[in-house]
Amino acid sequence: MVLCGGIGEEQEADDKARAIANELRGPVKVGCQLSDEECETYEVLSYSTQVVAGTNYFLKLRVGKEDSPFVVHVRAFESLPHTGGTVELTSVRKSAGQIWKGVESDQLVHF
């Protein structure tokens, strides 16, 4: 059971999560400091949501070169429809000031 305002359970990628990730591809590349050549792979593995005054999406993405992809976690915010329903990248998970690179089995957490 999810607490009110808490992050939901991790779910398999669906069309909504893929659409949000695709909309944020450019900002994610910038946030992860990737060039076009370094972003051959860009795939949503899973996601979680948190209902606030809108929705936070915590996305687990496989990104990078085709022969050496890595996993990053990003957070996006989708505003409520009456305020425009826009989606924006709000955070890229970091560790010690560097882009955090994980593995597919790492659980999505609030960051």
N, C-alpha and C. Protein backbone atom coordinates (compact mmCIF):
# COMPACT_ATOMS: atom_id res chain seq x y z
N MET A 1 0.85 -1.18 0.00
CA MET A 1 0.00 0.00 0.00
C MET A 1 0.89 1.24 0.00
N VAL A 2 0.52 2.22 -0.82
CA VAL A 2 1.27 3.46 -0.93
C VAL A 2 0.65 4.50 0.00
N LEU A 3 1.51 5.21 0.73
CA LEU A 3 1.03 6.29 1.58
C LEU A 3 0.68 7.49 0.73
N CYS A 4 -0.28 8.26 1.18
CA CYS A 4 -0.66 9.47 0.47
C CYS A 4 0.57 10.36 0.29
N GLY A 5 0.87 10.73 -0.93
CA GLY A 5 2.04 11.55 -1.22
C GLY A 5 3.32 10.76 -1.38
N GLY A 6 3.29 9.45 -1.12
CA GLY A 6 4.48 8.61 -1.24
C GLY A 6 4.68 8.16 -2.68
N ILE A 7 5.85 7.62 -2.94
CA ILE A 7 6.16 7.12 -4.27
C ILE A 7 5.52 5.74 -4.44
N GLY A 8 4.92 5.52 -5.61
CA GLY A 8 4.25 4.25 -5.88
C GLY A 8 5.24 3.14 -6.19
N GLU A 9 4.70 1.95 -6.37
CA GLU A 9 5.53 0.80 -6.70
C GLU A 9 6.08 0.93 -8.11
N GLU A 10 7.24 0.34 -8.30
CA GLU A 10 7.87 0.35 -9.61
C GLU A 10 7.04 -0.49 -10.58
N GLN A 11 6.82 0.06 -11.78
CA GLN A 11 6.00 -0.60 -12.80
C GLN A 11 6.80 -0.76 -14.08
N GLU A 12 6.40 -1.72 -14.90
CA GLU A 12 7.01 -1.87 -16.22
C GLU A 12 6.69 -0.64 -17.06
N ALA A 13 7.59 -0.31 -17.96
CA ALA A 13 7.37 0.82 -18.86
C ALA A 13 6.08 0.61 -19.65
N ASP A 14 5.32 1.67 -19.80
CA ASP A 14 4.11 1.64 -20.62
C ASP A 14 4.15 2.82 -21.60
N ASP A 15 3.09 2.98 -22.38
CA ASP A 15 3.07 4.03 -23.40
C ASP A 15 3.20 5.42 -22.78
N LYS A 16 2.57 5.65 -21.63
CA LYS A 16 2.65 6.96 -20.98
C LYS A 16 4.09 7.26 -20.55
N ALA A 17 4.75 6.31 -19.92
CA ALA A 17 6.14 6.51 -19.47
C ALA A 17 7.06 6.72 -20.67
N ARG A 18 6.85 5.96 -21.74
CA ARG A 18 7.67 6.13 -22.95
C ARG A 18 7.44 7.51 -23.58
N ALA A 19 6.19 7.98 -23.59
CA ALA A 19 5.90 9.30 -24.16
C ALA A 19 6.58 10.40 -23.36
N ILE A 20 6.55 10.29 -22.05
CA ILE A 20 7.22 11.29 -21.20
C ILE A 20 8.73 11.25 -21.44
N ALA A 21 9.30 10.05 -21.47
CA ALA A 21 10.74 9.92 -21.71
C ALA A 21 11.13 10.49 -23.07
N ASN A 22 10.34 10.22 -24.09
CA ASN A 22 10.64 10.74 -25.43
C ASN A 22 10.57 12.27 -25.46
N GLU A 23 9.60 12.83 -24.75
CA GLU A 23 9.48 14.28 -24.68
C GLU A 23 10.69 14.90 -24.00
N LEU A 24 11.30 14.16 -23.10
CA LEU A 24 12.43 14.67 -22.31
C LEU A 24 13.80 14.24 -22.82
N ARG A 25 13.86 13.62 -23.98
CA ARG A 25 15.14 13.09 -24.47
C ARG A 25 16.23 14.16 -24.50
N GLY A 26 15.94 15.32 -25.05
CA GLY A 26 16.92 16.40 -25.12
C GLY A 26 17.40 16.84 -23.74
N PRO A 27 16.47 17.20 -22.83
CA PRO A 27 16.90 17.58 -21.48
C PRO A 27 17.65 16.47 -20.73
N VAL A 28 17.26 15.21 -20.96
CA VAL A 28 17.96 14.10 -20.30
C VAL A 28 19.40 14.01 -20.82
N LYS A 29 19.58 14.16 -22.13
CA LYS A 29 20.94 14.14 -22.69
C LYS A 29 21.79 15.24 -22.06
N VAL A 30 21.22 16.44 -21.94
CA VAL A 30 21.95 17.54 -21.32
C VAL A 30 22.22 17.25 -19.84
N GLY A 31 21.19 16.80 -19.12
CA GLY A 31 21.34 16.51 -17.69
C GLY A 31 22.33 15.41 -17.40
N CYS A 32 22.44 14.45 -18.31
CA CYS A 32 23.40 13.34 -18.16
C CYS A 32 24.71 13.61 -18.87
N GLN A 33 24.83 14.79 -19.46
CA GLN A 33 26.05 15.21 -20.15
C GLN A 33 26.44 14.22 -21.25
N LEU A 34 25.45 13.89 -22.10
CA LEU A 34 25.66 12.96 -23.20
C LEU A 34 25.59 13.69 -24.53
N SER A 35 26.49 13.35 -25.44
CA SER A 35 26.41 13.88 -26.81
C SER A 35 25.43 13.01 -27.59
N ASP A 36 25.10 13.43 -28.80
CA ASP A 36 24.20 12.62 -29.64
C ASP A 36 24.79 11.23 -29.87
N GLU A 37 26.10 11.15 -30.10
CA GLU A 37 26.76 9.86 -30.33
C GLU A 37 26.71 8.98 -29.08
N GLU A 38 26.70 9.60 -27.91
CA GLU A 38 26.67 8.84 -26.66
C GLU A 38 25.25 8.46 -26.24
N CYS A 39 24.27 8.83 -27.03
CA CYS A 39 22.88 8.53 -26.69
C CYS A 39 22.21 7.70 -27.76
N GLU A 40 22.94 6.72 -28.28
CA GLU A 40 22.37 5.81 -29.28
C GLU A 40 21.24 4.98 -28.66
N THR A 41 21.44 4.59 -27.41
CA THR A 41 20.45 3.81 -26.69
C THR A 41 19.69 4.74 -25.76
N TYR A 42 18.36 4.68 -25.79
CA TYR A 42 17.51 5.51 -24.94
C TYR A 42 16.20 4.76 -24.75
N GLU A 43 16.07 4.09 -23.61
CA GLU A 43 14.94 3.18 -23.41
C GLU A 43 14.46 3.26 -21.97
N VAL A 44 13.14 3.33 -21.79
CA VAL A 44 12.55 3.29 -20.45
C VAL A 44 12.47 1.84 -20.01
N LEU A 45 13.03 1.55 -18.84
CA LEU A 45 12.96 0.19 -18.30
C LEU A 45 11.77 0.04 -17.36
N SER A 46 11.57 1.04 -16.50
CA SER A 46 10.46 1.01 -15.55
C SER A 46 10.25 2.42 -15.01
N TYR A 47 9.20 2.57 -14.21
CA TYR A 47 8.92 3.88 -13.63
C TYR A 47 8.07 3.74 -12.38
N SER A 48 8.06 4.81 -11.59
CA SER A 48 7.17 4.95 -10.44
C SER A 48 6.58 6.34 -10.51
N THR A 49 5.46 6.53 -9.82
CA THR A 49 4.85 7.86 -9.79
C THR A 49 4.62 8.30 -8.36
N GLN A 50 4.48 9.61 -8.21
CA GLN A 50 4.13 10.23 -6.94
C GLN A 50 3.15 11.35 -7.26
N VAL A 51 1.96 11.25 -6.68
CA VAL A 51 0.96 12.29 -6.90
C VAL A 51 1.23 13.43 -5.93
N VAL A 52 1.43 14.60 -6.49
CA VAL A 52 1.62 15.83 -5.71
C VAL A 52 0.61 16.82 -6.31
N ALA A 53 0.94 18.07 -6.47
CA ALA A 53 0.06 19.00 -7.20
C ALA A 53 0.39 18.83 -8.68
N GLY A 54 0.17 17.64 -9.17
CA GLY A 54 0.58 17.15 -10.47
C GLY A 54 1.12 15.75 -10.23
N THR A 55 2.02 15.28 -11.08
CA THR A 55 2.59 13.95 -10.90
C THR A 55 4.08 13.97 -11.13
N ASN A 56 4.84 13.43 -10.17
CA ASN A 56 6.26 13.18 -10.37
C ASN A 56 6.41 11.80 -10.97
N TYR A 57 7.21 11.69 -12.02
CA TYR A 57 7.54 10.41 -12.64
C TYR A 57 9.01 10.13 -12.37
N PHE A 58 9.29 9.00 -11.76
CA PHE A 58 10.65 8.54 -11.53
C PHE A 58 10.91 7.47 -12.59
N LEU A 59 11.78 7.77 -13.54
CA LEU A 59 12.02 6.90 -14.69
C LEU A 59 13.39 6.25 -14.60
N LYS A 60 13.42 4.96 -14.83
CA LYS A 60 14.68 4.22 -14.95
C LYS A 60 14.94 4.06 -16.44
N LEU A 61 16.03 4.65 -16.92
CA LEU A 61 16.34 4.65 -18.34
C LEU A 61 17.65 3.94 -18.62
N ARG A 62 17.69 3.23 -19.73
CA ARG A 62 18.95 2.68 -20.25
C ARG A 62 19.38 3.66 -21.34
N VAL A 63 20.55 4.26 -21.16
CA VAL A 63 21.06 5.25 -22.11
C VAL A 63 22.52 4.96 -22.42
N GLY A 64 23.04 5.65 -23.42
CA GLY A 64 24.46 5.55 -23.73
C GLY A 64 24.71 4.96 -25.10
N LYS A 65 25.97 4.60 -25.30
CA LYS A 65 26.35 3.97 -26.58
C LYS A 65 25.75 2.59 -26.65
N GLU A 66 25.47 2.15 -27.87
CA GLU A 66 24.83 0.86 -28.06
C GLU A 66 25.63 -0.28 -27.45
N ASP A 67 26.96 -0.20 -27.52
CA ASP A 67 27.80 -1.28 -27.00
C ASP A 67 28.14 -1.12 -25.52
N SER A 68 27.78 0.01 -24.90
CA SER A 68 28.09 0.19 -23.48
C SER A 68 27.05 1.08 -22.80
N PRO A 69 25.78 0.65 -22.82
CA PRO A 69 24.75 1.46 -22.17
C PRO A 69 24.86 1.38 -20.65
N PHE A 70 24.26 2.35 -19.98
CA PHE A 70 24.19 2.33 -18.53
C PHE A 70 22.81 2.80 -18.10
N VAL A 71 22.51 2.65 -16.83
CA VAL A 71 21.19 2.99 -16.31
C VAL A 71 21.28 4.29 -15.53
N VAL A 72 20.32 5.18 -15.78
CA VAL A 72 20.19 6.42 -15.01
C VAL A 72 18.76 6.51 -14.51
N HIS A 73 18.59 7.24 -13.41
CA HIS A 73 17.27 7.53 -12.89
C HIS A 73 17.03 9.02 -13.06
N VAL A 74 15.88 9.37 -13.60
CA VAL A 74 15.52 10.78 -13.76
C VAL A 74 14.14 11.00 -13.16
N ARG A 75 13.90 12.25 -12.74
CA ARG A 75 12.58 12.61 -12.22
C ARG A 75 12.01 13.69 -13.12
N ALA A 76 10.76 13.50 -13.51
CA ALA A 76 10.04 14.47 -14.33
C ALA A 76 8.77 14.87 -13.60
N PHE A 77 8.33 16.09 -13.86
CA PHE A 77 7.08 16.58 -13.26
C PHE A 77 6.10 16.90 -14.36
N GLU A 78 4.89 16.36 -14.24
CA GLU A 78 3.80 16.69 -15.15
C GLU A 78 2.78 17.51 -14.37
N SER A 79 2.59 18.75 -14.82
CA SER A 79 1.64 19.63 -14.12
C SER A 79 0.21 19.19 -14.41
N LEU A 80 -0.70 19.70 -13.60
CA LEU A 80 -2.12 19.37 -13.77
C LEU A 80 -2.66 19.98 -15.07
N PRO A 81 -3.68 19.35 -15.65
CA PRO A 81 -4.21 19.83 -16.92
C PRO A 81 -4.63 21.30 -16.91
N HIS A 82 -5.23 21.77 -15.82
CA HIS A 82 -5.68 23.16 -15.80
C HIS A 82 -4.54 24.16 -15.73
N THR A 83 -3.33 23.68 -15.47
CA THR A 83 -2.15 24.57 -15.47
C THR A 83 -1.28 24.34 -16.69
N GLY A 84 -1.78 23.58 -17.63
CA GLY A 84 -1.06 23.38 -18.89
C GLY A 84 -0.66 21.94 -19.16
N GLY A 85 -0.59 21.11 -18.12
CA GLY A 85 -0.24 19.70 -18.31
C GLY A 85 1.12 19.47 -18.92
N THR A 86 2.05 20.42 -18.71
CA THR A 86 3.38 20.29 -19.30
C THR A 86 4.24 19.32 -18.51
N VAL A 87 5.25 18.80 -19.18
CA VAL A 87 6.20 17.87 -18.56
C VAL A 87 7.58 18.51 -18.60
N GLU A 88 8.29 18.45 -17.47
CA GLU A 88 9.65 18.98 -17.44
C GLU A 88 10.55 18.07 -16.62
N LEU A 89 11.80 18.01 -17.02
CA LEU A 89 12.81 17.26 -16.27
C LEU A 89 13.13 18.07 -15.02
N THR A 90 13.03 17.44 -13.86
CA THR A 90 13.32 18.16 -12.63
C THR A 90 14.61 17.70 -11.96
N SER A 91 15.05 16.48 -12.25
CA SER A 91 16.26 16.01 -11.58
C SER A 91 16.83 14.78 -12.28
N VAL A 92 18.15 14.68 -12.21
CA VAL A 92 18.87 13.48 -12.62
C VAL A 92 19.59 13.00 -11.37
N ARG A 93 19.41 11.74 -11.02
CA ARG A 93 20.03 11.22 -9.80
C ARG A 93 21.54 11.31 -9.89
N LYS A 94 22.15 11.88 -8.84
CA LYS A 94 23.61 12.04 -8.79
C LYS A 94 24.15 11.44 -7.50
N SER A 95 25.43 11.16 -7.52
CA SER A 95 26.13 10.67 -6.34
C SER A 95 27.46 11.39 -6.28
N ALA A 96 27.73 12.06 -5.18
CA ALA A 96 28.97 12.82 -4.99
C ALA A 96 29.19 13.81 -6.14
N GLY A 97 28.09 14.46 -6.58
CA GLY A 97 28.18 15.47 -7.62
C GLY A 97 28.31 14.94 -9.03
N GLN A 98 28.37 13.63 -9.19
CA GLN A 98 28.50 13.00 -10.51
C GLN A 98 27.19 12.33 -10.89
N ILE A 99 26.97 12.16 -12.18
CA ILE A 99 25.79 11.42 -12.63
C ILE A 99 25.89 10.01 -12.06
N TRP A 100 24.83 9.59 -11.38
CA TRP A 100 24.79 8.25 -10.79
C TRP A 100 24.52 7.25 -11.91
N LYS A 101 25.36 6.25 -12.02
CA LYS A 101 25.18 5.19 -13.02
C LYS A 101 24.89 3.90 -12.27
N GLY A 102 23.76 3.33 -12.56
CA GLY A 102 23.35 2.13 -11.85
C GLY A 102 23.22 0.94 -12.77
N VAL A 103 22.53 -0.07 -12.26
CA VAL A 103 22.24 -1.28 -13.02
C VAL A 103 20.73 -1.48 -13.02
N GLU A 104 20.24 -2.32 -13.91
CA GLU A 104 18.81 -2.50 -14.07
C GLU A 104 18.10 -2.96 -12.80
N SER A 105 18.80 -3.68 -11.94
CA SER A 105 18.16 -4.19 -10.73
C SER A 105 18.05 -3.15 -9.61
N ASP A 106 18.66 -1.98 -9.76
CA ASP A 106 18.56 -0.93 -8.74
C ASP A 106 17.13 -0.44 -8.65
N GLN A 107 16.62 -0.35 -7.43
CA GLN A 107 15.25 0.08 -7.20
C GLN A 107 15.13 1.60 -7.36
N LEU A 108 14.04 2.03 -7.94
CA LEU A 108 13.75 3.47 -8.02
C LEU A 108 13.42 3.99 -6.64
N VAL A 109 14.02 5.10 -6.26
CA VAL A 109 13.77 5.74 -4.98
C VAL A 109 13.53 7.23 -5.21
N HIS A 110 12.97 7.88 -4.21
CA HIS A 110 12.78 9.33 -4.30
C HIS A 110 14.14 10.00 -4.21
N PHE A 111 14.39 10.94 -5.09
CA PHE A 111 15.63 11.72 -5.04
C PHE A 111 15.34 13.13 -5.45
